[in-house]
Amino acid sequence: MSLVPLPVHGRVFRALAIAEACSWVGLLIGMFVKYVVIQNEIGVRVFGPIHGVLFLAYVVAAIAVARPLGWDRRTLLLALGASIPPLCTLWFERWALRTGRLGHPAQAVS
């Protein structure tokens, strides 16, 4: 079975979905350190802006790739909704890859 590489739209969206989720983890760790461990906000000061930029980039990317990837309104709304709860962009990215919504039909699983 040969794997067909994703089109550039799918690859960019996947990268942003994963980066946005990682920045969520960094921000959550920063908030834990700030409010529970040592009352120091360095983690929030570092990861807050990073997460903000990646969140906005993910939202813009979801809107931008919806048409080229042939997403219907429901898929776009799922992608946008997944940006709100922590780590849900990973769930959406995996689901979109598995169902062929990132540019190629899903591979059969035996």
N, C-alpha and C. Protein backbone atom coordinates (compact mmCIF):
# COMPACT_ATOMS: atom_id res chain seq x y z
N MET A 1 0.85 -1.17 0.00
CA MET A 1 0.00 0.00 0.00
C MET A 1 0.89 1.23 0.00
N SER A 2 0.70 2.09 -1.00
CA SER A 2 1.49 3.32 -1.06
C SER A 2 0.69 4.47 -0.49
N LEU A 3 1.38 5.31 0.24
CA LEU A 3 0.73 6.47 0.83
C LEU A 3 0.87 7.65 -0.12
N VAL A 4 -0.24 8.27 -0.43
CA VAL A 4 -0.25 9.45 -1.27
C VAL A 4 0.00 10.66 -0.38
N PRO A 5 0.99 11.49 -0.71
CA PRO A 5 1.25 12.65 0.13
C PRO A 5 0.06 13.62 0.10
N LEU A 6 -0.15 14.26 1.22
CA LEU A 6 -1.23 15.25 1.31
C LEU A 6 -0.89 16.47 0.47
N PRO A 7 -1.91 17.15 -0.06
CA PRO A 7 -1.64 18.43 -0.73
C PRO A 7 -1.17 19.45 0.29
N VAL A 8 -0.60 20.53 -0.19
CA VAL A 8 -0.02 21.53 0.69
C VAL A 8 -1.06 22.08 1.67
N HIS A 9 -2.30 22.24 1.25
CA HIS A 9 -3.35 22.74 2.16
C HIS A 9 -3.49 21.82 3.37
N GLY A 10 -3.53 20.53 3.11
CA GLY A 10 -3.68 19.55 4.20
C GLY A 10 -2.47 19.53 5.12
N ARG A 11 -1.28 19.63 4.54
CA ARG A 11 -0.05 19.61 5.36
C ARG A 11 0.04 20.84 6.25
N VAL A 12 -0.27 22.00 5.70
CA VAL A 12 -0.22 23.24 6.50
C VAL A 12 -1.25 23.17 7.61
N PHE A 13 -2.45 22.73 7.29
CA PHE A 13 -3.49 22.65 8.32
C PHE A 13 -3.09 21.68 9.43
N ARG A 14 -2.56 20.51 9.06
CA ARG A 14 -2.11 19.54 10.07
C ARG A 14 -1.05 20.14 10.96
N ALA A 15 -0.07 20.81 10.38
CA ALA A 15 1.01 21.41 11.17
C ALA A 15 0.47 22.43 12.15
N LEU A 16 -0.45 23.26 11.70
CA LEU A 16 -1.02 24.27 12.60
C LEU A 16 -1.89 23.63 13.68
N ALA A 17 -2.62 22.59 13.35
CA ALA A 17 -3.45 21.91 14.36
C ALA A 17 -2.58 21.32 15.46
N ILE A 18 -1.48 20.70 15.07
CA ILE A 18 -0.58 20.09 16.05
C ILE A 18 0.13 21.17 16.87
N ALA A 19 0.60 22.22 16.20
CA ALA A 19 1.28 23.31 16.91
C ALA A 19 0.34 24.02 17.89
N GLU A 20 -0.92 24.21 17.48
CA GLU A 20 -1.89 24.87 18.36
C GLU A 20 -2.13 24.02 19.60
N ALA A 21 -2.22 22.72 19.44
CA ALA A 21 -2.42 21.83 20.59
C ALA A 21 -1.20 21.85 21.52
N CYS A 22 -0.01 21.85 20.93
CA CYS A 22 1.21 21.92 21.76
C CYS A 22 1.28 23.23 22.53
N SER A 23 0.88 24.31 21.89
CA SER A 23 0.90 25.59 22.60
C SER A 23 -0.13 25.61 23.73
N TRP A 24 -1.24 24.90 23.55
CA TRP A 24 -2.23 24.76 24.64
C TRP A 24 -1.58 24.08 25.84
N VAL A 25 -0.83 23.01 25.57
CA VAL A 25 -0.16 22.29 26.65
C VAL A 25 0.81 23.23 27.37
N GLY A 26 1.59 23.98 26.62
CA GLY A 26 2.52 24.92 27.23
C GLY A 26 1.81 25.96 28.07
N LEU A 27 0.70 26.48 27.55
CA LEU A 27 -0.06 27.48 28.30
C LEU A 27 -0.68 26.87 29.56
N LEU A 28 -1.19 25.65 29.46
CA LEU A 28 -1.76 25.00 30.65
C LEU A 28 -0.69 24.76 31.72
N ILE A 29 0.49 24.36 31.29
CA ILE A 29 1.60 24.17 32.24
C ILE A 29 1.97 25.52 32.85
N GLY A 30 2.04 26.56 32.01
CA GLY A 30 2.35 27.89 32.51
C GLY A 30 1.33 28.38 33.53
N MET A 31 0.05 28.10 33.28
CA MET A 31 -0.99 28.51 34.24
C MET A 31 -0.89 27.70 35.52
N PHE A 32 -0.55 26.43 35.42
CA PHE A 32 -0.37 25.60 36.62
C PHE A 32 0.76 26.16 37.47
N VAL A 33 1.87 26.50 36.81
CA VAL A 33 3.00 27.07 37.54
C VAL A 33 2.62 28.40 38.17
N LYS A 34 1.90 29.23 37.41
CA LYS A 34 1.52 30.55 37.91
C LYS A 34 0.57 30.48 39.10
N TYR A 35 -0.44 29.64 39.02
CA TYR A 35 -1.48 29.65 40.03
C TYR A 35 -1.34 28.61 41.13
N VAL A 36 -0.51 27.56 40.91
CA VAL A 36 -0.44 26.48 41.89
C VAL A 36 0.95 26.34 42.48
N VAL A 37 1.96 26.31 41.63
CA VAL A 37 3.29 25.93 42.10
C VAL A 37 4.05 27.09 42.74
N ILE A 38 4.45 28.05 41.96
CA ILE A 38 5.34 29.09 42.51
C ILE A 38 4.86 30.51 42.29
N GLN A 39 3.65 30.68 41.84
CA GLN A 39 3.10 32.01 41.66
C GLN A 39 3.97 32.89 40.75
N ASN A 40 4.58 32.27 39.74
CA ASN A 40 5.42 32.99 38.80
C ASN A 40 4.76 32.90 37.43
N GLU A 41 4.58 34.03 36.77
CA GLU A 41 3.84 34.03 35.52
C GLU A 41 4.71 33.94 34.26
N ILE A 42 5.94 33.52 34.37
CA ILE A 42 6.81 33.44 33.19
C ILE A 42 6.25 32.48 32.14
N GLY A 43 5.68 31.37 32.56
CA GLY A 43 5.12 30.41 31.59
C GLY A 43 3.96 30.99 30.82
N VAL A 44 3.12 31.77 31.50
CA VAL A 44 1.99 32.40 30.84
C VAL A 44 2.47 33.52 29.92
N ARG A 45 3.48 34.24 30.35
CA ARG A 45 4.03 35.32 29.51
C ARG A 45 4.68 34.77 28.25
N VAL A 46 5.27 33.58 28.34
CA VAL A 46 5.90 32.97 27.17
C VAL A 46 4.86 32.30 26.29
N PHE A 47 4.06 31.41 26.87
CA PHE A 47 3.15 30.60 26.06
C PHE A 47 1.84 31.30 25.71
N GLY A 48 1.45 32.33 26.45
CA GLY A 48 0.23 33.05 26.13
C GLY A 48 0.26 33.65 24.73
N PRO A 49 1.25 34.46 24.41
CA PRO A 49 1.30 35.04 23.06
C PRO A 49 1.53 33.98 21.97
N ILE A 50 2.33 32.97 22.27
CA ILE A 50 2.56 31.90 21.29
C ILE A 50 1.24 31.21 20.98
N HIS A 51 0.51 30.86 22.03
CA HIS A 51 -0.78 30.20 21.82
C HIS A 51 -1.76 31.12 21.09
N GLY A 52 -1.76 32.40 21.44
CA GLY A 52 -2.65 33.33 20.77
C GLY A 52 -2.41 33.40 19.27
N VAL A 53 -1.16 33.48 18.88
CA VAL A 53 -0.81 33.55 17.46
C VAL A 53 -1.17 32.24 16.76
N LEU A 54 -0.85 31.11 17.39
CA LEU A 54 -1.16 29.82 16.77
C LEU A 54 -2.66 29.56 16.71
N PHE A 55 -3.40 30.02 17.71
CA PHE A 55 -4.85 29.89 17.68
C PHE A 55 -5.42 30.66 16.49
N LEU A 56 -5.00 31.92 16.34
CA LEU A 56 -5.48 32.72 15.21
C LEU A 56 -5.05 32.13 13.87
N ALA A 57 -3.83 31.63 13.79
CA ALA A 57 -3.36 31.01 12.55
C ALA A 57 -4.18 29.77 12.22
N TYR A 58 -4.52 28.97 13.22
CA TYR A 58 -5.35 27.78 13.01
C TYR A 58 -6.72 28.17 12.49
N VAL A 59 -7.35 29.17 13.10
CA VAL A 59 -8.68 29.60 12.67
C VAL A 59 -8.64 30.12 11.23
N VAL A 60 -7.66 30.95 10.92
CA VAL A 60 -7.52 31.48 9.56
C VAL A 60 -7.26 30.33 8.58
N ALA A 61 -6.40 29.39 8.96
CA ALA A 61 -6.10 28.26 8.09
C ALA A 61 -7.33 27.41 7.85
N ALA A 62 -8.12 27.16 8.89
CA ALA A 62 -9.33 26.35 8.72
C ALA A 62 -10.27 27.01 7.72
N ILE A 63 -10.43 28.31 7.83
CA ILE A 63 -11.30 29.03 6.89
C ILE A 63 -10.70 29.00 5.48
N ALA A 64 -9.39 29.18 5.40
CA ALA A 64 -8.72 29.24 4.09
C ALA A 64 -8.71 27.89 3.36
N VAL A 65 -8.57 26.79 4.09
CA VAL A 65 -8.46 25.49 3.42
C VAL A 65 -9.82 24.82 3.21
N ALA A 66 -10.86 25.36 3.79
CA ALA A 66 -12.18 24.72 3.69
C ALA A 66 -12.61 24.53 2.24
N ARG A 67 -12.50 25.54 1.43
CA ARG A 67 -12.92 25.42 0.04
C ARG A 67 -11.97 24.55 -0.78
N PRO A 68 -10.65 24.78 -0.73
CA PRO A 68 -9.76 23.92 -1.54
C PRO A 68 -9.84 22.44 -1.17
N LEU A 69 -10.13 22.15 0.10
CA LEU A 69 -10.22 20.75 0.53
C LEU A 69 -11.64 20.20 0.41
N GLY A 70 -12.57 21.02 -0.02
CA GLY A 70 -13.93 20.57 -0.25
C GLY A 70 -14.74 20.31 1.02
N TRP A 71 -14.44 21.04 2.08
CA TRP A 71 -15.17 20.85 3.33
C TRP A 71 -16.57 21.43 3.20
N ASP A 72 -17.53 20.75 3.79
CA ASP A 72 -18.87 21.32 3.90
C ASP A 72 -18.91 22.22 5.14
N ARG A 73 -20.04 22.86 5.35
CA ARG A 73 -20.17 23.80 6.47
C ARG A 73 -19.98 23.09 7.81
N ARG A 74 -20.49 21.87 7.92
CA ARG A 74 -20.37 21.12 9.17
C ARG A 74 -18.91 20.86 9.52
N THR A 75 -18.13 20.46 8.53
CA THR A 75 -16.71 20.18 8.76
C THR A 75 -15.98 21.45 9.19
N LEU A 76 -16.27 22.56 8.53
CA LEU A 76 -15.63 23.82 8.91
C LEU A 76 -16.02 24.21 10.33
N LEU A 77 -17.28 24.06 10.68
CA LEU A 77 -17.71 24.39 12.04
C LEU A 77 -17.05 23.48 13.07
N LEU A 78 -16.88 22.20 12.74
CA LEU A 78 -16.15 21.29 13.64
C LEU A 78 -14.71 21.74 13.82
N ALA A 79 -14.07 22.12 12.72
CA ALA A 79 -12.67 22.58 12.80
C ALA A 79 -12.57 23.82 13.68
N LEU A 80 -13.48 24.76 13.49
CA LEU A 80 -13.45 25.99 14.28
C LEU A 80 -13.78 25.71 15.74
N GLY A 81 -14.76 24.86 15.98
CA GLY A 81 -15.11 24.50 17.36
C GLY A 81 -14.01 23.76 18.07
N ALA A 82 -13.23 22.99 17.33
CA ALA A 82 -12.13 22.23 17.92
C ALA A 82 -11.01 23.14 18.42
N SER A 83 -11.01 24.38 17.99
CA SER A 83 -9.95 25.29 18.44
C SER A 83 -10.18 25.81 19.85
N ILE A 84 -11.36 25.60 20.40
CA ILE A 84 -11.68 26.16 21.72
C ILE A 84 -11.21 25.27 22.87
N PRO A 85 -11.67 24.01 22.97
CA PRO A 85 -11.21 23.19 24.11
C PRO A 85 -9.75 22.75 23.93
N PRO A 86 -9.03 22.61 25.01
CA PRO A 86 -7.63 22.19 24.90
C PRO A 86 -7.49 20.85 24.17
N LEU A 87 -6.56 20.80 23.25
CA LEU A 87 -6.13 19.61 22.52
C LEU A 87 -7.16 19.06 21.53
N CYS A 88 -8.27 19.72 21.34
CA CYS A 88 -9.27 19.21 20.40
C CYS A 88 -8.85 19.39 18.94
N THR A 89 -7.91 20.28 18.67
CA THR A 89 -7.43 20.38 17.30
C THR A 89 -6.73 19.09 16.88
N LEU A 90 -6.11 18.39 17.84
CA LEU A 90 -5.52 17.09 17.53
C LEU A 90 -6.59 16.08 17.15
N TRP A 91 -7.68 16.06 17.92
CA TRP A 91 -8.79 15.15 17.60
C TRP A 91 -9.32 15.45 16.21
N PHE A 92 -9.57 16.73 15.90
CA PHE A 92 -10.11 17.08 14.60
C PHE A 92 -9.15 16.71 13.49
N GLU A 93 -7.88 17.01 13.67
CA GLU A 93 -6.87 16.71 12.64
C GLU A 93 -6.83 15.21 12.35
N ARG A 94 -6.83 14.38 13.40
CA ARG A 94 -6.81 12.92 13.21
C ARG A 94 -8.08 12.45 12.51
N TRP A 95 -9.22 12.99 12.91
CA TRP A 95 -10.48 12.62 12.29
C TRP A 95 -10.51 13.04 10.82
N ALA A 96 -10.07 14.26 10.53
CA ALA A 96 -10.06 14.76 9.16
C ALA A 96 -9.11 13.95 8.29
N LEU A 97 -7.97 13.56 8.82
CA LEU A 97 -7.04 12.72 8.07
C LEU A 97 -7.64 11.35 7.80
N ARG A 98 -8.22 10.75 8.83
CA ARG A 98 -8.79 9.42 8.70
C ARG A 98 -9.96 9.38 7.71
N THR A 99 -10.74 10.45 7.65
CA THR A 99 -11.93 10.47 6.79
C THR A 99 -11.67 11.09 5.42
N GLY A 100 -10.42 11.41 5.12
CA GLY A 100 -10.08 11.94 3.81
C GLY A 100 -10.36 13.41 3.62
N ARG A 101 -10.60 14.14 4.67
CA ARG A 101 -10.92 15.56 4.55
C ARG A 101 -9.68 16.45 4.46
N LEU A 102 -8.51 15.86 4.48
CA LEU A 102 -7.29 16.66 4.33
C LEU A 102 -6.65 16.49 2.96
N GLY A 103 -7.37 15.91 2.04
CA GLY A 103 -6.87 15.92 0.68
C GLY A 103 -6.78 14.61 -0.05
N HIS A 104 -6.91 13.51 0.60
CA HIS A 104 -6.93 12.25 -0.13
C HIS A 104 -7.86 11.29 0.58
N PRO A 105 -8.42 10.33 -0.14
CA PRO A 105 -9.34 9.39 0.50
C PRO A 105 -8.66 8.61 1.62
N ALA A 106 -9.42 8.31 2.63
CA ALA A 106 -8.88 7.54 3.76
C ALA A 106 -8.44 6.17 3.27
N GLN A 107 -7.35 5.69 3.83
CA GLN A 107 -6.84 4.37 3.51
C GLN A 107 -7.68 3.32 4.23
N ALA A 108 -7.92 2.22 3.59
CA ALA A 108 -8.69 1.15 4.22
C ALA A 108 -7.88 0.55 5.36
N VAL A 109 -8.54 0.33 6.46
CA VAL A 109 -7.90 -0.29 7.62
C VAL A 109 -8.32 -1.74 7.66
N SER A 110 -7.34 -2.65 7.70
CA SER A 110 -7.70 -4.07 7.73
C SER A 110 -7.57 -4.63 9.11
